[in-house]
PDB file of N, CA and C in Angstrom:
ATOM      1  N   MET A   1       0.711  -1.247   0.077  1.00  0.00           N
ATOM      2  CA  MET A   1       0.009  -0.032   0.035  1.00  0.00           C
ATOM      3  C   MET A   1       0.897   1.285   0.014  1.00  0.00           C
ATOM      4  N   ARG A   2       1.934   1.200   0.777  1.00  0.00           N
ATOM      5  CA  ARG A   2       2.849   2.285   0.923  1.00  0.00           C
ATOM      6  C   ARG A   2       3.529   2.622  -0.363  1.00  0.00           C
ATOM      7  N   ALA A   3       3.889   1.645  -1.121  1.00  0.00           N
ATOM      8  CA  ALA A   3       4.654   1.684  -2.500  1.00  0.00           C
ATOM      9  C   ALA A   3       3.603   2.354  -3.490  1.00  0.00           C
ATOM     10  N   ILE A   4       2.179   2.002  -3.455  1.00  0.00           N
ATOM     11  CA  ILE A   4       1.336   2.497  -4.158  1.00  0.00           C
ATOM     12  C   ILE A   4       1.221   4.100  -4.090  1.00  0.00           C
ATOM     13  N   ILE A   5       1.250   4.551  -2.979  1.00  0.00           N
ATOM     14  CA  ILE A   5       0.898   5.820  -2.432  1.00  0.00           C
ATOM     15  C   ILE A   5       2.097   6.661  -2.920  1.00  0.00           C
ATOM     16  N   ILE A   6       3.472   6.260  -2.738  1.00  0.00           N
ATOM     17  CA  ILE A   6       4.654   6.729  -3.153  1.00  0.00           C
ATOM     18  C   ILE A   6       4.629   7.049  -4.719  1.00  0.00           C
ATOM     19  N   ALA A   7       4.380   5.894  -5.369  1.00  0.00           N
ATOM     20  CA  ALA A   7       4.098   5.750  -6.879  1.00  0.00           C
ATOM     21  C   ALA A   7       3.298   6.804  -7.272  1.00  0.00           C
ATOM     22  N   SER A   8       2.021   6.988  -6.551  1.00  0.00           N
ATOM     23  CA  SER A   8       1.076   7.997  -7.019  1.00  0.00           C
ATOM     24  C   SER A   8       1.583   9.344  -6.936  1.00  0.00           C
ATOM     25  N   VAL A   9       2.244   9.681  -5.899  1.00  0.00           N
ATOM     26  CA  VAL A   9       2.796  10.966  -5.390  1.00  0.00           C
ATOM     27  C   VAL A   9       3.679  11.384  -6.638  1.00  0.00           C
ATOM     28  N   ILE A  10       4.728  10.463  -7.016  1.00  0.00           N
ATOM     29  CA  ILE A  10       5.711  10.721  -7.873  1.00  0.00           C
ATOM     30  C   ILE A  10       5.075  10.932  -9.266  1.00  0.00           C
ATOM     31  N   PHE A  11       3.967   9.884  -9.571  1.00  0.00           N
ATOM     32  CA  PHE A  11       3.421  10.217 -10.985  1.00  0.00           C
ATOM     33  C   PHE A  11       2.620  11.621 -11.004  1.00  0.00           C
ATOM     34  N   ILE A  12       1.985  11.924  -9.960  1.00  0.00           N
ATOM     35  CA  ILE A  12       1.356  13.322  -9.994  1.00  0.00           C
ATOM     36  C   ILE A  12       2.378  14.445 -10.104  1.00  0.00           C
ATOM     37  N   SER A  13       3.363  14.314  -9.315  1.00  0.00           N
ATOM     38  CA  SER A  13       4.295  15.522  -9.282  1.00  0.00           C
ATOM     39  C   SER A  13       4.981  15.540 -10.744  1.00  0.00           C
ATOM     40  N   LEU A  14       5.283  14.490 -11.452  1.00  0.00           N
ATOM     41  CA  LEU A  14       5.842  14.530 -12.650  1.00  0.00           C
ATOM     42  C   LEU A  14       4.842  15.148 -13.693  1.00  0.00           C
ATOM     43  N   ALA A  15       3.537  14.793 -13.456  1.00  0.00           N
ATOM     44  CA  ALA A  15       2.597  15.313 -14.429  1.00  0.00           C
ATOM     45  C   ALA A  15       2.352  16.727 -14.241  1.00  0.00           C
ATOM     46  N   PHE A  16       2.788  17.466 -13.235  1.00  0.00           N
ATOM     47  CA  PHE A  16       2.703  18.919 -13.099  1.00  0.00           C
ATOM     48  C   PHE A  16       3.930  19.582 -13.416  1.00  0.00           C
ATOM     49  N   THR A  17       5.122  18.796 -13.650  1.00  0.00           N
ATOM     50  CA  THR A  17       6.102  19.455 -13.903  1.00  0.00           C
ATOM     51  C   THR A  17       6.280  20.072 -15.300  1.00  0.00           C
ATOM     52  N   TYR A  18       6.597  21.326 -15.464  1.00  0.00           N
ATOM     53  CA  TYR A  18       6.589  22.020 -16.801  1.00  0.00           C
ATOM     54  C   TYR A  18       7.935  22.081 -17.284  1.00  0.00           C
ATOM     55  N   ASP A  19       8.102  21.557 -18.370  1.00  0.00           N
ATOM     56  CA  ASP A  19       9.413  21.489 -19.204  1.00  0.00           C
ATOM     57  C   ASP A  19       9.443  22.747 -20.074  1.00  0.00           C
ATOM     58  N   LYS A  20      10.337  23.590 -19.744  1.00  0.00           N
ATOM     59  CA  LYS A  20      10.508  24.737 -20.286  1.00  0.00           C
ATOM     60  C   LYS A  20      11.086  24.640 -21.849  1.00  0.00           C
ATOM     61  N   PRO A  21      10.377  25.113 -22.845  1.00  0.00           N
ATOM     62  CA  PRO A  21      10.754  24.909 -24.214  1.00  0.00           C
ATOM     63  C   PRO A  21      12.292  25.501 -24.698  1.00  0.00           C
ATOM     64  N   ILE A  22      12.536  26.567 -23.910  1.00  0.00           N
ATOM     65  CA  ILE A  22      13.850  27.260 -24.241  1.00  0.00           C
ATOM     66  C   ILE A  22      14.892  27.000 -23.260  1.00  0.00           C
ATOM     67  N   ASP A  23      16.090  26.594 -23.725  1.00  0.00           N
ATOM     68  CA  ASP A  23      17.159  26.225 -22.695  1.00  0.00           C
ATOM     69  C   ASP A  23      17.822  27.501 -22.179  1.00  0.00           C
ATOM     70  N   LYS A  24      18.502  27.477 -21.044  1.00  0.00           N
ATOM     71  CA  LYS A  24      19.182  28.618 -20.316  1.00  0.00           C
ATOM     72  C   LYS A  24      20.080  29.419 -21.372  1.00  0.00           C
ATOM     73  N   ASP A  25      20.597  28.582 -22.529  1.00  0.00           N
ATOM     74  CA  ASP A  25      21.591  29.255 -23.353  1.00  0.00           C
ATOM     75  C   ASP A  25      20.831  29.757 -24.654  1.00  0.00           C
ATOM     76  N   CYS A  26      19.394  30.008 -24.490  1.00  0.00           N
ATOM     77  CA  CYS A  26      18.564  30.672 -25.366  1.00  0.00           C
ATOM     78  C   CYS A  26      18.499  29.807 -26.714  1.00  0.00           C
ATOM     79  N   LYS A  27      18.358  28.488 -26.566  1.00  0.00           N
ATOM     80  CA  LYS A  27      18.069  27.697 -27.688  1.00  0.00           C
ATOM     81  C   LYS A  27      16.828  26.835 -27.672  1.00  0.00           C
ATOM     82  N   CYS A  28      16.209  26.592 -28.648  1.00  0.00           N
ATOM     83  CA  CYS A  28      15.038  25.578 -28.827  1.00  0.00           C
ATOM     84  C   CYS A  28      15.453  24.597 -29.763  1.00  0.00           C
ATOM     85  N   LYS A  29      15.256  23.324 -29.438  1.00  0.00           N
ATOM     86  CA  LYS A  29      15.658  22.157 -30.553  1.00  0.00           C
ATOM     87  C   LYS A  29      17.019  22.350 -30.890  1.00  0.00           C
ATOM     88  N   GLY A  30      17.902  23.137 -30.193  1.00  0.00           N
ATOM     89  CA  GLY A  30      19.302  23.169 -30.497  1.00  0.00           C
ATOM     90  C   GLY A  30      19.631  24.512 -31.429  1.00  0.00           C
ATOM     91  N   ILE A  31      18.642  25.097 -31.774  1.00  0.00           N
ATOM     92  CA  ILE A  31      18.809  26.326 -32.530  1.00  0.00           C
ATOM     93  C   ILE A  31      18.719  27.652 -31.857  1.00  0.00           C
ATOM     94  N   PRO A  32      19.818  28.572 -31.897  1.00  0.00           N
ATOM     95  CA  PRO A  32      19.776  29.627 -31.183  1.00  0.00           C
ATOM     96  C   PRO A  32      18.579  30.460 -31.591  1.00  0.00           C
ATOM     97  N   LEU A  33      17.854  31.268 -30.613  1.00  0.00           N
ATOM     98  CA  LEU A  33      16.589  32.188 -30.838  1.00  0.00           C
ATOM     99  C   LEU A  33      16.956  33.366 -30.985  1.00  0.00           C
ATOM    100  N   TYR A  34      17.947  33.717 -31.850  1.00  0.00           N
ATOM    101  CA  TYR A  34      18.267  35.140 -32.075  1.00  0.00           C
ATOM    102  C   TYR A  34      18.906  35.022 -33.659  1.00  0.00           C
ATOM    103  N   GLY A  35      18.903  36.194 -34.350  1.00  0.00           N
ATOM    104  CA  GLY A  35      19.372  36.194 -35.710  1.00  0.00           C
ATOM    105  C   GLY A  35      18.256  36.550 -36.682  1.00  0.00           C
ATOM    106  N   ARG A  36      18.799  36.116 -37.946  1.00  0.00           N
ATOM    107  CA  ARG A  36      17.635  36.358 -39.013  1.00  0.00           C
ATOM    108  C   ARG A  36      16.579  35.501 -39.174  1.00  0.00           C
ATOM    109  N   VAL A  37      15.363  35.985 -39.099  1.00  0.00           N
ATOM    110  CA  VAL A  37      13.980  35.102 -38.945  1.00  0.00           C
ATOM    111  C   VAL A  37      13.196  35.443 -40.189  1.00  0.00           C
ATOM    112  N   LYS A  38      12.727  34.251 -40.867  1.00  0.00           N
ATOM    113  CA  LYS A  38      11.780  34.559 -41.829  1.00  0.00           C
ATOM    114  C   LYS A  38      10.479  33.750 -41.326  1.00  0.00           C
ATOM    115  N   ILE A  39       9.338  34.694 -41.577  1.00  0.00           N
ATOM    116  CA  ILE A  39       7.969  34.162 -41.112  1.00  0.00           C
ATOM    117  C   ILE A  39       7.414  33.388 -42.389  1.00  0.00           C
ATOM    118  N   VAL A  40       6.857  32.163 -42.201  1.00  0.00           N
ATOM    119  CA  VAL A  40       6.429  31.398 -43.135  1.00  0.00           C
ATOM    120  C   VAL A  40       4.972  30.727 -42.717  1.00  0.00           C
ATOM    121  N   ASP A  41       4.414  30.173 -43.793  1.00  0.00           N
ATOM    122  CA  ASP A  41       3.032  29.530 -43.544  1.00  0.00           C
ATOM    123  C   ASP A  41       3.135  28.022 -43.348  1.00  0.00           C
ATOM    124  N   ILE A  42       4.240  27.428 -43.915  1.00  0.00           N
ATOM    125  CA  ILE A  42       4.247  26.108 -43.893  1.00  0.00           C
ATOM    126  C   ILE A  42       5.752  25.658 -43.657  1.00  0.00           C
ATOM    127  N   ASN A  43       5.887  24.462 -43.104  1.00  0.00           N
ATOM    128  CA  ASN A  43       7.296  23.974 -42.637  1.00  0.00           C
ATOM    129  C   ASN A  43       8.136  24.879 -41.841  1.00  0.00           C
ATOM    130  N   PRO A  44       7.670  25.384 -40.779  1.00  0.00           N
ATOM    131  CA  PRO A  44       8.542  26.247 -39.952  1.00  0.00           C
ATOM    132  C   PRO A  44       9.493  25.537 -39.111  1.00  0.00           C
ATOM    133  N   ASP A  45      10.561  26.156 -38.550  1.00  0.00           N
ATOM    134  CA  ASP A  45      11.482  25.498 -37.490  1.00  0.00           C
ATOM    135  C   ASP A  45      10.724  25.443 -36.288  1.00  0.00           C
ATOM    136  N   PHE A  46       9.931  26.675 -36.204  1.00  0.00           N
ATOM    137  CA  PHE A  46       9.246  26.701 -34.795  1.00  0.00           C
ATOM    138  C   PHE A  46       7.822  27.348 -34.989  1.00  0.00           C
ATOM    139  N   LYS A  47       6.889  26.985 -34.324  1.00  0.00           N
ATOM    140  CA  LYS A  47       5.540  27.481 -34.205  1.00  0.00           C
ATOM    141  C   LYS A  47       5.450  28.303 -32.920  1.00  0.00           C
ATOM    142  N   VAL A  48       5.146  29.652 -33.144  1.00  0.00           N
ATOM    143  CA  VAL A  48       5.054  30.647 -32.108  1.00  0.00           C
ATOM    144  C   VAL A  48       3.819  31.208 -31.935  1.00  0.00           C
ATOM    145  N   LYS A  49       3.439  31.528 -30.728  1.00  0.00           N
ATOM    146  CA  LYS A  49       2.183  32.198 -30.339  1.00  0.00           C
ATOM    147  C   LYS A  49       2.627  33.584 -29.772  1.00  0.00           C
ATOM    148  N   ILE A  50       1.843  34.539 -30.241  1.00  0.00           N
ATOM    149  CA  ILE A  50       2.173  35.974 -29.673  1.00  0.00           C
ATOM    150  C   ILE A  50       1.353  36.083 -28.631  1.00  0.00           C
ATOM    151  N   VAL A  51       1.825  36.477 -27.363  1.00  0.00           N
ATOM    152  CA  VAL A  51       1.032  36.887 -26.182  1.00  0.00           C
ATOM    153  C   VAL A  51       1.531  38.175 -25.646  1.00  0.00           C
ATOM    154  N   THR A  52       0.590  38.794 -24.713  1.00  0.00           N
ATOM    155  CA  THR A  52       0.883  40.109 -24.216  1.00  0.00           C
ATOM    156  C   THR A  52       1.412  39.933 -22.643  1.00  0.00           C
ATOM    157  N   ALA A  53       1.345  38.764 -22.160  1.00  0.00           N
ATOM    158  CA  ALA A  53       2.025  38.586 -20.681  1.00  0.00           C
ATOM    159  C   ALA A  53       2.594  37.194 -20.620  1.00  0.00           C
ATOM    160  N   PHE A  54       3.605  37.086 -19.773  1.00  0.00           N
ATOM    161  CA  PHE A  54       4.236  35.842 -19.388  1.00  0.00           C
ATOM    162  C   PHE A  54       4.648  34.895 -20.562  1.00  0.00           C
ATOM    163  N   PRO A  55       5.480  35.513 -21.546  1.00  0.00           N
ATOM    164  CA  PRO A  55       6.060  34.813 -22.730  1.00  0.00           C
ATOM    165  C   PRO A  55       7.143  33.814 -22.291  1.00  0.00           C
ATOM    166  N   ASP A  56       7.444  32.953 -23.021  1.00  0.00           N
ATOM    167  CA  ASP A  56       8.650  32.172 -22.971  1.00  0.00           C
ATOM    168  C   ASP A  56       9.870  33.099 -23.302  1.00  0.00           C
ATOM    169  N   LEU A  57       9.674  33.843 -24.404  1.00  0.00           N
ATOM    170  CA  LEU A  57      10.767  34.711 -24.938  1.00  0.00           C
ATOM    171  C   LEU A  57      10.222  35.934 -25.240  1.00  0.00           C
ATOM    172  N   LYS A  58      11.010  37.061 -24.990  1.00  0.00           N
ATOM    173  CA  LYS A  58      10.738  38.371 -25.293  1.00  0.00           C
ATOM    174  C   LYS A  58      11.518  38.897 -26.542  1.00  0.00           C
ATOM    175  N   VAL A  59      10.810  39.168 -27.506  1.00  0.00           N
ATOM    176  CA  VAL A  59      11.631  39.450 -28.591  1.00  0.00           C
ATOM    177  C   VAL A  59      11.575  40.986 -29.158  1.00  0.00           C
ATOM    178  N   GLN A  60      12.783  41.200 -29.551  1.00  0.00           N
ATOM    179  CA  GLN A  60      12.891  42.770 -29.747  1.00  0.00           C
ATOM    180  C   GLN A  60      13.250  42.772 -31.511  1.00  0.00           C
ATOM    181  N   LEU A  61      12.458  43.320 -32.231  1.00  0.00           N
ATOM    182  CA  LEU A  61      12.795  43.289 -33.654  1.00  0.00           C
ATOM    183  C   LEU A  61      13.858  44.502 -33.931  1.00  0.00           C
ATOM    184  N   VAL A  62      14.813  44.041 -34.754  1.00  0.00           N
ATOM    185  CA  VAL A  62      15.942  45.037 -34.914  1.00  0.00           C
ATOM    186  C   VAL A  62      16.231  45.081 -36.420  1.00  0.00           C
ATOM    187  N   SER A  63      16.804  46.067 -36.970  1.00  0.00           N
ATOM    188  CA  SER A  63      17.194  46.211 -38.371  1.00  0.00           C
ATOM    189  C   SER A  63      18.763  45.608 -38.749  1.00  0.00           C
ATOM    190  N   ALA A  64      19.539  45.592 -37.681  1.00  0.00           N
ATOM    191  CA  ALA A  64      20.974  45.118 -37.913  1.00  0.00           C
ATOM    192  C   ALA A  64      21.435  44.481 -36.535  1.00  0.00           C
ATOM    193  N   PHE A  65      22.346  43.741 -36.678  1.00  0.00           N
ATOM    194  CA  PHE A  65      23.006  43.147 -35.434  1.00  0.00           C
ATOM    195  C   PHE A  65      22.116  42.274 -34.507  1.00  0.00           C
ATOM    196  N   PRO A  66      21.446  41.197 -35.064  1.00  0.00           N
ATOM    197  CA  PRO A  66      20.631  40.355 -34.203  1.00  0.00           C
ATOM    198  C   PRO A  66      21.351  39.385 -33.458  1.00  0.00           C
ATOM    199  N   ASP A  67      22.355  39.753 -32.564  1.00  0.00           N
ATOM    200  CA  ASP A  67      23.377  38.783 -32.108  1.00  0.00           C
ATOM    201  C   ASP A  67      23.197  38.690 -30.636  1.00  0.00           C
ATOM    202  N   LYS A  68      22.023  38.811 -30.149  1.00  0.00           N
ATOM    203  CA  LYS A  68      21.783  38.490 -28.680  1.00  0.00           C
ATOM    204  C   LYS A  68      20.297  37.870 -28.531  1.00  0.00           C
ATOM    205  N   CYS A  69      20.165  37.021 -27.463  1.00  0.00           N
ATOM    206  CA  CYS A  69      18.914  36.274 -27.181  1.00  0.00           C
ATOM    207  C   CYS A  69      17.655  37.288 -27.260  1.00  0.00           C
ATOM    208  N   GLY A  70      16.851  36.771 -28.218  1.00  0.00           N
ATOM    209  CA  GLY A  70      15.555  37.594 -28.338  1.00  0.00           C
ATOM    210  C   GLY A  70      15.651  38.558 -29.459  1.00  0.00           C
ATOM    211  N   LYS A  71      16.780  38.832 -29.964  1.00  0.00           N
ATOM    212  CA  LYS A  71      16.924  39.964 -31.029  1.00  0.00           C
ATOM    213  C   LYS A  71      16.728  39.226 -32.498  1.00  0.00           C
ATOM    214  N   TRP A  72      15.662  39.715 -33.071  1.00  0.00           N
ATOM    215  CA  TRP A  72      15.255  39.205 -34.525  1.00  0.00           C
ATOM    216  C   TRP A  72      15.290  40.103 -35.482  1.00  0.00           C
ATOM    217  N   GLN A  73      15.790  39.738 -36.573  1.00  0.00           N
ATOM    218  CA  GLN A  73      15.863  40.656 -37.622  1.00  0.00           C
ATOM    219  C   GLN A  73      14.912  39.897 -38.797  1.00  0.00           C
ATOM    220  N   ILE A  74      13.810  40.485 -39.264  1.00  0.00           N
ATOM    221  CA  ILE A  74      12.832  39.792 -40.179  1.00  0.00           C
ATOM    222  C   ILE A  74      13.438  39.938 -41.547  1.00  0.00           C
ATOM    223  N   VAL A  75      13.560  38.743 -42.189  1.00  0.00           N
ATOM    224  CA  VAL A  75      14.224  38.794 -43.553  1.00  0.00           C
ATOM    225  C   VAL A  75      13.290  37.939 -44.552  1.00  0.00           C
ATOM    226  N   ASP A  76      13.574  38.184 -45.775  1.00  0.00           N
ATOM    227  CA  ASP A  76      12.994  37.353 -46.827  1.00  0.00           C
ATOM    228  C   ASP A  76      13.717  36.205 -47.313  1.00  0.00           C
ATOM    229  N   ALA A  77      15.032  36.302 -47.102  1.00  0.00           N
ATOM    230  CA  ALA A  77      15.942  35.275 -47.748  1.00  0.00           C
ATOM    231  C   ALA A  77      17.002  35.159 -46.672  1.00  0.00           C
ATOM    232  N   PHE A  78      17.650  33.799 -46.924  1.00  0.00           N
ATOM    233  CA  PHE A  78      18.723  33.469 -45.992  1.00  0.00           C
ATOM    234  C   PHE A  78      18.466  33.549 -44.441  1.00  0.00           C
ATOM    235  N   PRO A  79      17.411  32.994 -43.832  1.00  0.00           N
ATOM    236  CA  PRO A  79      17.126  33.163 -42.560  1.00  0.00           C
ATOM    237  C   PRO A  79      18.050  32.148 -41.655  1.00  0.00           C
ATOM    238  N   ASP A  80      18.324  32.375 -40.496  1.00  0.00           N
ATOM    239  CA  ASP A  80      18.728  31.397 -39.581  1.00  0.00           C
ATOM    240  C   ASP A  80      17.748  30.490 -39.066  1.00  0.00           C
ATOM    241  N   PHE A  81      16.442  30.896 -38.986  1.00  0.00           N
ATOM    242  CA  PHE A  81      15.546  29.897 -38.616  1.00  0.00           C
ATOM    243  C   PHE A  81      14.157  30.575 -39.150  1.00  0.00           C
ATOM    244  N   THR A  82      13.110  29.773 -39.213  1.00  0.00           N
ATOM    245  CA  THR A  82      11.899  30.237 -39.678  1.00  0.00           C
ATOM    246  C   THR A  82      10.734  29.941 -38.583  1.00  0.00           C
ATOM    247  N   VAL A  83       9.820  30.859 -38.547  1.00  0.00           N
ATOM    248  CA  VAL A  83       8.722  30.802 -37.464  1.00  0.00           C
ATOM    249  C   VAL A  83       7.315  30.869 -38.366  1.00  0.00           C
ATOM    250  N   GLN A  84       6.320  30.197 -37.694  1.00  0.00           N
ATOM    251  CA  GLN A  84       5.012  30.309 -38.075  1.00  0.00           C
ATOM    252  C   GLN A  84       4.197  30.798 -37.007  1.00  0.00           C
ATOM    253  N   MET A  85       3.287  31.824 -37.277  1.00  0.00           N
ATOM    254  CA  MET A  85       2.471  32.297 -36.144  1.00  0.00           C
ATOM    255  C   MET A  85       1.398  31.447 -35.950  1.00  0.00           C
ATOM    256  N   VAL A  86       0.919  30.913 -34.806  1.00  0.00           N
ATOM    257  CA  VAL A  86      -0.187  29.962 -34.589  1.00  0.00           C
ATOM    258  C   VAL A  86      -0.783  30.605 -33.396  1.00  0.00           C
ATOM    259  N   SER A  87      -2.175  29.889 -33.140  1.00  0.00           N
ATOM    260  CA  SER A  87      -2.928  30.459 -32.069  1.00  0.00           C
ATOM    261  C   SER A  87      -3.008  29.184 -31.074  1.00  0.00           C
ATOM    262  N   ILE A  88      -2.760  28.037 -31.720  1.00  0.00           N
ATOM    263  CA  ILE A  88      -2.685  26.863 -30.773  1.00  0.00           C
ATOM    264  C   ILE A  88      -1.647  26.053 -30.946  1.00  0.00           C
ATOM    265  N   ASN A  89      -1.238  25.263 -29.773  1.00  0.00           N
ATOM    266  CA  ASN A  89      -0.118  24.212 -29.877  1.00  0.00           C
ATOM    267  C   ASN A  89       1.208  24.887 -30.331  1.00  0.00           C
ATOM    268  N   PRO A  90       1.728  25.941 -29.820  1.00  0.00           N
ATOM    269  CA  PRO A  90       3.017  26.491 -30.237  1.00  0.00           C
ATOM    270  C   PRO A  90       4.226  25.947 -29.620  1.00  0.00           C
ATOM    271  N   ASP A  91       5.468  25.980 -30.091  1.00  0.00           N
ATOM    272  CA  ASP A  91       6.547  25.343 -29.538  1.00  0.00           C
ATOM    273  C   ASP A  91       6.954  26.221 -28.373  1.00  0.00           C
ATOM    274  N   PHE A  92       6.617  27.579 -28.528  1.00  0.00           N
ATOM    275  CA  PHE A  92       6.926  28.574 -27.442  1.00  0.00           C
ATOM    276  C   PHE A  92       6.118  29.763 -27.674  1.00  0.00           C
ATOM    277  N   THR A  93       6.005  30.689 -26.748  1.00  0.00           N
ATOM    278  CA  THR A  93       5.166  31.845 -26.873  1.00  0.00           C
ATOM    279  C   THR A  93       6.214  32.974 -26.725  1.00  0.00           C
ATOM    280  N   ILE A  94       5.930  34.091 -27.548  1.00  0.00           N
ATOM    281  CA  ILE A  94       6.698  35.404 -27.628  1.00  0.00           C
ATOM    282  C   ILE A  94       5.958  36.572 -27.291  1.00  0.00           C
ATOM    283  N   GLN A  95       6.728  37.589 -26.872  1.00  0.00           N
ATOM    284  CA  GLN A  95       5.953  38.897 -26.664  1.00  0.00           C
ATOM    285  C   GLN A  95       6.987  39.922 -27.280  1.00  0.00           C
ATOM    286  N   PHE A  96       6.523  40.721 -28.106  1.00  0.00           N
ATOM    287  CA  PHE A  96       7.344  41.746 -28.818  1.00  0.00           C
ATOM    288  C   PHE A  96       7.617  42.998 -27.740  1.00  0.00           C
ATOM    289  N   VAL A  97       8.840  43.329 -27.608  1.00  0.00           N
ATOM    290  CA  VAL A  97       9.314  44.421 -26.621  1.00  0.00           C
ATOM    291  C   VAL A  97      10.004  45.385 -27.339  1.00  0.00           C
ATOM    292  N   GLU A  98      10.305  46.424 -26.780  1.00  0.00           N
ATOM    293  CA  GLU A  98      11.083  47.592 -27.366  1.00  0.00           C
ATOM    294  C   GLU A  98      12.539  47.430 -26.667  1.00  0.00           C
ATOM    295  N   HIS A  99      12.634  47.013 -25.421  1.00  0.00           N
ATOM    296  CA  HIS A  99      13.865  46.875 -24.779  1.00  0.00           C
ATOM    297  C   HIS A  99      13.918  45.605 -23.966  1.00  0.00           C
ATOM    298  N   PHE A 100      15.076  45.138 -23.620  1.00  0.00           N
ATOM    299  CA  PHE A 100      15.335  44.146 -22.914  1.00  0.00           C
ATOM    300  C   PHE A 100      14.821  42.664 -23.288  1.00  0.00           C
ATOM    301  N   PRO A 101      15.197  42.368 -24.500  1.00  0.00           N
ATOM    302  CA  PRO A 101      14.635  41.126 -25.145  1.00  0.00           C
ATOM    303  C   PRO A 101      15.627  39.862 -24.294  1.00  0.00           C
ATOM    304  N   GLY A 102      14.878  38.705 -24.476  1.00  0.00           N
ATOM    305  CA  GLY A 102      15.494  37.530 -23.755  1.00  0.00           C
ATOM    306  C   GLY A 102      14.401  36.587 -23.140  1.00  0.00           C
ATOM    307  N   ILE A 103      14.946  35.677 -22.531  1.00  0.00           N
ATOM    308  CA  ILE A 103      14.228  34.635 -21.892  1.00  0.00           C
ATOM    309  C   ILE A 103      13.447  35.081 -20.592  1.00  0.00           C
ATOM    310  N   ASN A 104      12.264  34.838 -20.644  1.00  0.00           N
ATOM    311  CA  ASN A 104      11.420  35.418 -19.468  1.00  0.00           C
ATOM    312  C   ASN A 104      11.578  34.398 -18.295  1.00  0.00           C
TER     313      ASN A 104
END
């Protein structure tokens, strides 16, 4: 009986554990989340949802030098990675900011 209770507690605690989609080194699926980004409709590297509070990543749009976590330069050709904007089932959520981009 004791083993069943312990197993149940472990199972429930694992069920509520939230696995963050973005690593501490600002990577998701091994891809750095800064650089040149192309927005696509099909076959993206990442599906993202835009939110206004509690994002996984704060994104600052820049015109040059997207060299730090969360700095994105939107391009039409030669992207570092591609994203698709979705409303359900995203890989991670983003919030556009003017200052202080990075992992939330």
